[in-house]
Amino acid sequence: MDKETFETGLRIRKSVLGAEFVDKAFATADDFNRPLQELVTQYCWGEIWGRPGLDKKTRSLLNLAMISALNRPHEVRAHVKGALTNGVTKDEIREVFLQVAIYCGVPAGVDSFRIAREVFTELGV
């Protein structure tokens, strides 16, 4: 593991998803899944999110589209919260999920809309 890239990833991951979420992911990790948490932190957050080519808002929009298309509800929930943190508006989230519904399937779009509404209610947005 590259310690510097991991630390960059940890900082970015916490800034997007919230320290409580990330700390819980590590606190509940065990010998089996800790390597996955480390991999995700270093490569997803350090190597990719840490690149200068796109801002956090754009990366959030991309993630919402891809994770929604893959129909990963737990990740959609986390990344809707992260997207809001990164300045993505409810209207922009709606547009992403409408596009997902057309290009990736209505069920993926419907699930993502449902999850986003739950998050908006939780956060009072």
Protein backbone atom coordinates (compact mmCIF):
# COMPACT_ATOMS: atom_id res chain seq x y z
CA MET A 1 0.00 0.00 0.00
CA ASP A 2 1.17 3.52 -0.84
CA LYS A 3 0.70 5.34 2.48
CA GLU A 4 0.59 8.82 0.92
CA THR A 5 -2.08 7.87 -1.64
CA PHE A 6 -4.05 6.05 1.06
CA GLU A 7 -3.98 9.15 3.30
CA THR A 8 -5.07 11.35 0.39
CA GLY A 9 -7.88 8.92 -0.33
CA LEU A 10 -8.93 8.81 3.29
CA ARG A 11 -9.11 12.60 3.45
CA ILE A 12 -11.14 12.83 0.22
CA ARG A 13 -13.41 9.92 1.15
CA LYS A 14 -14.22 11.54 4.50
CA SER A 15 -14.81 14.93 2.88
CA VAL A 16 -17.33 13.43 0.45
CA LEU A 17 -19.05 10.67 2.43
CA GLY A 18 -18.54 12.04 5.92
CA ALA A 19 -16.06 11.03 8.58
CA GLU A 20 -18.70 9.08 10.53
CA PHE A 21 -19.51 6.88 7.52
CA VAL A 22 -15.85 6.20 6.70
CA ASP A 23 -14.80 5.69 10.31
CA LYS A 24 -17.64 3.16 10.74
CA ALA A 25 -16.52 1.31 7.59
CA PHE A 26 -13.05 0.89 9.07
CA ALA A 27 -14.24 0.25 12.63
CA THR A 28 -16.47 -2.62 11.50
CA ALA A 29 -13.88 -4.07 9.13
CA ASP A 30 -12.36 -7.38 10.06
CA ASP A 31 -9.45 -9.44 8.79
CA PHE A 32 -11.59 -10.57 5.85
CA ASN A 33 -12.80 -7.23 4.49
CA ARG A 34 -10.23 -4.71 5.82
CA PRO A 35 -8.09 -5.18 2.68
CA LEU A 36 -11.11 -4.13 0.60
CA GLN A 37 -11.57 -0.95 2.67
CA GLU A 38 -7.89 -0.15 2.19
CA LEU A 39 -8.06 -0.88 -1.56
CA VAL A 40 -11.16 1.30 -2.04
CA THR A 41 -9.62 4.13 -0.03
CA GLN A 42 -6.30 4.07 -1.86
CA TYR A 43 -7.45 3.45 -5.42
CA CYS A 44 -10.99 4.83 -5.70
CA TRP A 45 -10.50 7.82 -3.46
CA GLY A 46 -6.75 8.44 -3.57
CA GLU A 47 -5.82 7.53 -7.13
CA ILE A 48 -9.05 8.48 -8.95
CA TRP A 49 -10.82 11.10 -6.83
CA GLY A 50 -7.41 12.60 -6.07
CA ARG A 51 -6.66 13.26 -9.73
CA PRO A 52 -6.78 16.90 -10.87
CA GLY A 53 -8.73 16.32 -14.11
CA LEU A 54 -12.28 16.61 -12.73
CA ASP A 55 -13.77 18.45 -9.79
CA LYS A 56 -15.64 16.66 -7.01
CA LYS A 57 -19.05 17.74 -8.32
CA THR A 58 -18.38 16.20 -11.74
CA ARG A 59 -17.05 13.02 -10.17
CA SER A 60 -20.17 12.81 -8.01
CA LEU A 61 -22.43 13.15 -11.06
CA LEU A 62 -20.50 10.40 -12.83
CA ASN A 63 -20.65 8.13 -9.80
CA LEU A 64 -24.39 8.64 -9.41
CA ALA A 65 -24.93 7.62 -13.03
CA MET A 66 -22.67 4.57 -12.92
CA ILE A 67 -23.75 3.28 -9.52
CA SER A 68 -27.39 3.80 -10.39
CA ALA A 69 -26.92 1.98 -13.69
CA LEU A 70 -25.33 -0.90 -11.79
CA ASN A 71 -28.33 -0.88 -9.43
CA ARG A 72 -26.28 -0.70 -6.23
CA PRO A 73 -28.74 0.86 -3.73
CA HIS A 74 -26.39 1.07 -0.74
CA GLU A 75 -23.82 2.92 -2.83
CA VAL A 76 -26.50 5.15 -4.42
CA ARG A 77 -27.55 6.22 -0.93
CA ALA A 78 -23.98 7.05 0.12
CA HIS A 79 -23.19 8.88 -3.10
CA VAL A 80 -26.41 10.93 -3.13
CA LYS A 81 -25.30 12.27 0.25
CA GLY A 82 -21.80 12.80 -1.09
CA ALA A 83 -23.09 14.53 -4.20
CA LEU A 84 -25.06 17.00 -2.10
CA THR A 85 -21.90 17.66 -0.08
CA ASN A 86 -20.07 18.32 -3.36
CA GLY A 87 -22.60 20.91 -4.52
CA VAL A 88 -24.80 18.74 -6.76
CA THR A 89 -28.39 19.98 -6.62
CA LYS A 90 -31.57 17.94 -6.32
CA ASP A 91 -32.44 19.02 -9.86
CA GLU A 92 -29.12 17.75 -11.17
CA ILE A 93 -29.56 14.44 -9.34
CA ARG A 94 -33.03 14.12 -10.88
CA GLU A 95 -31.61 14.71 -14.36
CA VAL A 96 -28.92 12.05 -13.86
CA PHE A 97 -31.51 9.49 -12.75
CA LEU A 98 -33.86 10.35 -15.63
CA GLN A 99 -31.02 9.71 -18.04
CA VAL A 100 -30.19 6.45 -16.25
CA ALA A 101 -33.82 5.37 -16.58
CA ILE A 102 -33.73 5.84 -20.35
CA TYR A 103 -30.27 4.46 -21.09
CA CYS A 104 -29.96 1.78 -18.40
CA GLY A 105 -33.51 0.77 -17.60
CA VAL A 106 -36.51 2.18 -15.84
CA PRO A 107 -36.12 -0.09 -12.78
CA ALA A 108 -32.65 1.32 -12.09
CA GLY A 109 -34.00 4.85 -12.41
CA VAL A 110 -37.04 4.13 -10.22
CA ASP A 111 -34.90 2.62 -7.47
CA SER A 112 -32.48 5.54 -7.58
CA PHE A 113 -35.29 8.10 -7.38
CA ARG A 114 -36.76 6.27 -4.38
CA ILE A 115 -33.42 6.14 -2.60
CA ALA A 116 -32.67 9.80 -3.35
CA ARG A 117 -36.05 10.86 -1.91
CA GLU A 118 -35.30 8.90 1.27
CA VAL A 119 -31.93 10.65 1.56
CA PHE A 120 -33.48 14.08 0.92
CA THR A 121 -36.04 13.40 3.67
CA GLU A 122 -33.34 12.20 6.09
CA LEU A 123 -31.25 15.31 5.43
CA GLY A 124 -34.16 17.74 5.25
CA VAL A 125 -33.21 18.77 1.73
